[in-house]
Amino acid sequence: MSWDSYIDNIIAQSKDAIGTSNVDKACIIGLENGAPWTTSANPNNFELVGSEGPNLAQCMKSKNFTPLQSGGIHLGKTKYQFLREEDGKLVLGKRKECGAVTIQSSKTAIVIAHCPEGGQQGNANKAVSAVAEYLESLNM
């Protein structure tokens, strides 16, 4: 199964009423260890580097968001300010002039999307939620 098609799905679901996409890159990683499920074969894959995936997975799995609150959210060689966490599975971050990130976990995966500067993060949130909830419905 190719997880890369989920990237296109997230981007498509983030479109607003006039058809503007509010996600420019996305990825899915494993909740257990932060290993990538999506690949750079999709040009819109949000590339995580080094320990970014494992560190995020550790916080999401344990539901301990203190490291993200105190040290920021490190994704794609960029540090985003931690905005908030909801229900122990949704994390939002932002960096001025770099955009925002939406992160949501399911039972076995973490769905991550980047909203470009000027985009509507609410639409990115809905797109990420749709995929994460779909994975949950599959017991994933």
C-alpha atoms as a PDB file:
ATOM      1  CA  MET A   1       0.000   0.000   0.000  1.00  0.00           C
ATOM      2  CA  SER A   2       1.297   3.423  -0.874  1.00  0.00           C
ATOM      3  CA  TRP A   3       0.744   5.984   1.826  1.00  0.00           C
ATOM      4  CA  ASP A   4       1.886   8.767  -0.513  1.00  0.00           C
ATOM      5  CA  SER A   5      -1.629   9.146  -1.941  1.00  0.00           C
ATOM      6  CA  TYR A   6      -2.752  10.334   1.498  1.00  0.00           C
ATOM      7  CA  ILE A   7      -0.609  13.449   1.012  1.00  0.00           C
ATOM      8  CA  ASP A   8      -2.646  14.404  -2.060  1.00  0.00           C
ATOM      9  CA  ASN A   9      -5.845  13.628  -0.152  1.00  0.00           C
ATOM     10  CA  ILE A  10      -4.891  15.947   2.721  1.00  0.00           C
ATOM     11  CA  ILE A  11      -4.018  18.756   0.311  1.00  0.00           C
ATOM     12  CA  ALA A  12      -7.291  18.299  -1.609  1.00  0.00           C
ATOM     13  CA  GLN A  13      -9.375  18.281   1.585  1.00  0.00           C
ATOM     14  CA  SER A  14      -7.775  21.545   2.728  1.00  0.00           C
ATOM     15  CA  LYS A  15      -9.234  23.557  -0.159  1.00  0.00           C
ATOM     16  CA  ASP A  16     -11.474  26.481   0.720  1.00  0.00           C
ATOM     17  CA  ALA A  17     -14.704  27.573  -0.993  1.00  0.00           C
ATOM     18  CA  ILE A  18     -12.829  29.135  -3.924  1.00  0.00           C
ATOM     19  CA  GLY A  19     -10.539  26.132  -4.390  1.00  0.00           C
ATOM     20  CA  THR A  20      -7.388  27.436  -2.727  1.00  0.00           C
ATOM     21  CA  SER A  21      -5.410  24.714  -0.978  1.00  0.00           C
ATOM     22  CA  ASN A  22      -4.424  25.520   2.599  1.00  0.00           C
ATOM     23  CA  VAL A  23      -1.838  22.730   2.868  1.00  0.00           C
ATOM     24  CA  ASP A  24       1.308  22.689   0.756  1.00  0.00           C
ATOM     25  CA  LYS A  25       2.988  19.619   2.252  1.00  0.00           C
ATOM     26  CA  ALA A  26       2.023  16.739   4.501  1.00  0.00           C
ATOM     27  CA  CYS A  27       3.255  13.401   5.803  1.00  0.00           C
ATOM     28  CA  ILE A  28       2.302  10.443   7.944  1.00  0.00           C
ATOM     29  CA  ILE A  29       4.654   8.863  10.466  1.00  0.00           C
ATOM     30  CA  GLY A  30       4.267   5.944  12.848  1.00  0.00           C
ATOM     31  CA  LEU A  31       3.068   6.659  16.372  1.00  0.00           C
ATOM     32  CA  GLU A  32       5.239   3.885  17.772  1.00  0.00           C
ATOM     33  CA  ASN A  33       8.646   5.186  16.649  1.00  0.00           C
ATOM     34  CA  GLY A  34       8.171   8.146  14.304  1.00  0.00           C
ATOM     35  CA  ALA A  35       9.242   6.190  11.229  1.00  0.00           C
ATOM     36  CA  PRO A  36       7.985   7.730   7.971  1.00  0.00           C
ATOM     37  CA  TRP A  37       5.026   6.101   6.232  1.00  0.00           C
ATOM     38  CA  THR A  38       5.026   8.569   3.323  1.00  0.00           C
ATOM     39  CA  THR A  39       8.019   9.100   1.056  1.00  0.00           C
ATOM     40  CA  SER A  40       9.789  11.747  -0.963  1.00  0.00           C
ATOM     41  CA  ALA A  41       8.367  10.086  -4.083  1.00  0.00           C
ATOM     42  CA  ASN A  42       5.500  12.543  -3.572  1.00  0.00           C
ATOM     43  CA  PRO A  43       6.843  16.069  -4.177  1.00  0.00           C
ATOM     44  CA  ASN A  44       4.555  17.429  -1.438  1.00  0.00           C
ATOM     45  CA  ASN A  45       5.914  15.093   1.254  1.00  0.00           C
ATOM     46  CA  PHE A  46       6.790  17.014   4.428  1.00  0.00           C
ATOM     47  CA  GLU A  47      10.333  15.748   4.985  1.00  0.00           C
ATOM     48  CA  LEU A  48      11.247  15.283   8.637  1.00  0.00           C
ATOM     49  CA  VAL A  49      14.957  15.042   9.421  1.00  0.00           C
ATOM     50  CA  GLY A  50      17.039  13.330  12.078  1.00  0.00           C
ATOM     51  CA  SER A  51      15.210  12.785  15.345  1.00  0.00           C
ATOM     52  CA  GLU A  52      12.234  15.044  14.497  1.00  0.00           C
ATOM     53  CA  GLY A  53       9.874  12.103  13.826  1.00  0.00           C
ATOM     54  CA  PRO A  54      10.903   9.968  16.814  1.00  0.00           C
ATOM     55  CA  ASN A  55      10.814  12.968  19.180  1.00  0.00           C
ATOM     56  CA  LEU A  56       7.334  13.960  18.022  1.00  0.00           C
ATOM     57  CA  ALA A  57       6.108  10.371  18.232  1.00  0.00           C
ATOM     58  CA  GLN A  58       7.373  10.065  21.808  1.00  0.00           C
ATOM     59  CA  CYS A  59       5.404  13.182  22.836  1.00  0.00           C
ATOM     60  CA  MET A  60       2.257  12.133  20.979  1.00  0.00           C
ATOM     61  CA  LYS A  61       2.324   8.548  22.252  1.00  0.00           C
ATOM     62  CA  SER A  62       2.944   9.512  25.889  1.00  0.00           C
ATOM     63  CA  LYS A  63       0.600  12.524  25.643  1.00  0.00           C
ATOM     64  CA  ASN A  64       3.345  14.513  27.358  1.00  0.00           C
ATOM     65  CA  PHE A  65       3.533  17.758  25.407  1.00  0.00           C
ATOM     66  CA  THR A  66       5.908  19.534  27.808  1.00  0.00           C
ATOM     67  CA  PRO A  67       8.944  19.132  25.480  1.00  0.00           C
ATOM     68  CA  LEU A  68       6.969  20.754  22.647  1.00  0.00           C
ATOM     69  CA  GLN A  69       5.705  23.529  24.907  1.00  0.00           C
ATOM     70  CA  SER A  70       9.152  24.375  26.246  1.00  0.00           C
ATOM     71  CA  GLY A  71      11.357  23.648  23.216  1.00  0.00           C
ATOM     72  CA  GLY A  72       9.026  24.162  20.273  1.00  0.00           C
ATOM     73  CA  ILE A  73       7.914  21.797  17.535  1.00  0.00           C
ATOM     74  CA  HIS A  74      10.816  20.851  15.261  1.00  0.00           C
ATOM     75  CA  LEU A  75       9.699  19.689  11.809  1.00  0.00           C
ATOM     76  CA  GLY A  76      11.461  19.909   8.466  1.00  0.00           C
ATOM     77  CA  LYS A  77      14.446  21.788   9.931  1.00  0.00           C
ATOM     78  CA  THR A  78      12.091  24.510  11.215  1.00  0.00           C
ATOM     79  CA  LYS A  79      11.144  25.301  14.796  1.00  0.00           C
ATOM     80  CA  TYR A  80       7.471  26.163  15.270  1.00  0.00           C
ATOM     81  CA  GLN A  81       6.016  27.778  18.361  1.00  0.00           C
ATOM     82  CA  PHE A  82       3.691  25.438  20.251  1.00  0.00           C
ATOM     83  CA  LEU A  83       0.215  26.994  20.207  1.00  0.00           C
ATOM     84  CA  ARG A  84      -1.937  24.402  21.929  1.00  0.00           C
ATOM     85  CA  GLU A  85      -2.886  20.782  22.359  1.00  0.00           C
ATOM     86  CA  GLU A  86      -6.415  19.390  22.293  1.00  0.00           C
ATOM     87  CA  ASP A  87      -7.771  16.052  23.538  1.00  0.00           C
ATOM     88  CA  GLY A  88      -4.297  14.540  23.867  1.00  0.00           C
ATOM     89  CA  LYS A  89      -4.066  13.973  20.120  1.00  0.00           C
ATOM     90  CA  LEU A  90      -4.112  17.319  18.271  1.00  0.00           C
ATOM     91  CA  VAL A  91      -1.156  19.724  18.360  1.00  0.00           C
ATOM     92  CA  LEU A  92      -0.969  23.100  16.630  1.00  0.00           C
ATOM     93  CA  GLY A  93       2.120  25.186  15.958  1.00  0.00           C
ATOM     94  CA  LYS A  94       3.078  28.362  14.097  1.00  0.00           C
ATOM     95  CA  ARG A  95       6.141  30.252  12.974  1.00  0.00           C
ATOM     96  CA  LYS A  96       5.841  33.806  11.715  1.00  0.00           C
ATOM     97  CA  GLU A  97       6.576  34.029   7.989  1.00  0.00           C
ATOM     98  CA  CYS A  98       6.920  30.213   7.763  1.00  0.00           C
ATOM     99  CA  GLY A  99       3.314  29.148   8.240  1.00  0.00           C
ATOM    100  CA  ALA A 100       1.726  26.708  10.643  1.00  0.00           C
ATOM    101  CA  VAL A 101       1.610  22.990  11.381  1.00  0.00           C
ATOM    102  CA  THR A 102      -1.269  20.742  12.331  1.00  0.00           C
ATOM    103  CA  ILE A 103      -0.475  17.378  13.917  1.00  0.00           C
ATOM    104  CA  GLN A 104      -3.022  14.726  14.889  1.00  0.00           C
ATOM    105  CA  SER A 105      -2.519  11.167  16.041  1.00  0.00           C
ATOM    106  CA  SER A 106      -4.645   8.103  15.426  1.00  0.00           C
ATOM    107  CA  LYS A 107      -4.157   4.716  17.086  1.00  0.00           C
ATOM    108  CA  THR A 108      -0.977   3.915  15.132  1.00  0.00           C
ATOM    109  CA  ALA A 109      -0.094   6.988  13.052  1.00  0.00           C
ATOM    110  CA  ILE A 110       0.566  10.711  13.213  1.00  0.00           C
ATOM    111  CA  VAL A 111      -0.771  12.892  10.404  1.00  0.00           C
ATOM    112  CA  ILE A 112       1.158  16.133   9.868  1.00  0.00           C
ATOM    113  CA  ALA A 113       0.320  19.031   7.542  1.00  0.00           C
ATOM    114  CA  HIS A 114       2.010  22.346   6.829  1.00  0.00           C
ATOM    115  CA  CYS A 115      -0.170  25.380   6.166  1.00  0.00           C
ATOM    116  CA  PRO A 116       1.745  28.072   4.257  1.00  0.00           C
ATOM    117  CA  GLU A 117       1.931  31.626   5.582  1.00  0.00           C
ATOM    118  CA  GLY A 118      -1.343  33.373   4.739  1.00  0.00           C
ATOM    119  CA  GLY A 119      -3.246  30.080   4.523  1.00  0.00           C
ATOM    120  CA  GLN A 120      -6.178  29.164   6.732  1.00  0.00           C
ATOM    121  CA  GLN A 121      -4.985  26.749   9.402  1.00  0.00           C
ATOM    122  CA  GLY A 122      -8.586  25.844  10.214  1.00  0.00           C
ATOM    123  CA  ASN A 123      -8.903  24.222   6.787  1.00  0.00           C
ATOM    124  CA  ALA A 124      -5.614  22.373   7.352  1.00  0.00           C
ATOM    125  CA  ASN A 125      -6.970  21.179  10.704  1.00  0.00           C
ATOM    126  CA  LYS A 126     -10.119  19.777   9.042  1.00  0.00           C
ATOM    127  CA  ALA A 127      -8.072  17.959   6.393  1.00  0.00           C
ATOM    128  CA  VAL A 128      -5.721  16.385   8.943  1.00  0.00           C
ATOM    129  CA  SER A 129      -8.637  15.431  11.167  1.00  0.00           C
ATOM    130  CA  ALA A 130     -10.459  13.732   8.284  1.00  0.00           C
ATOM    131  CA  VAL A 131      -7.472  11.487   7.522  1.00  0.00           C
ATOM    132  CA  ALA A 132      -6.652  10.782  11.185  1.00  0.00           C
ATOM    133  CA  GLU A 133     -10.282   9.867  11.912  1.00  0.00           C
ATOM    134  CA  TYR A 134     -10.398   7.655   8.811  1.00  0.00           C
ATOM    135  CA  LEU A 135      -7.303   5.795  10.042  1.00  0.00           C
ATOM    136  CA  GLU A 136      -8.952   5.453  13.467  1.00  0.00           C
ATOM    137  CA  SER A 137     -12.035   3.930  11.798  1.00  0.00           C
ATOM    138  CA  LEU A 138      -9.706   1.278  10.301  1.00  0.00           C
ATOM    139  CA  ASN A 139      -8.289   0.649  13.795  1.00  0.00           C
ATOM    140  CA  MET A 140      -5.005   2.212  12.687  1.00  0.00           C
END
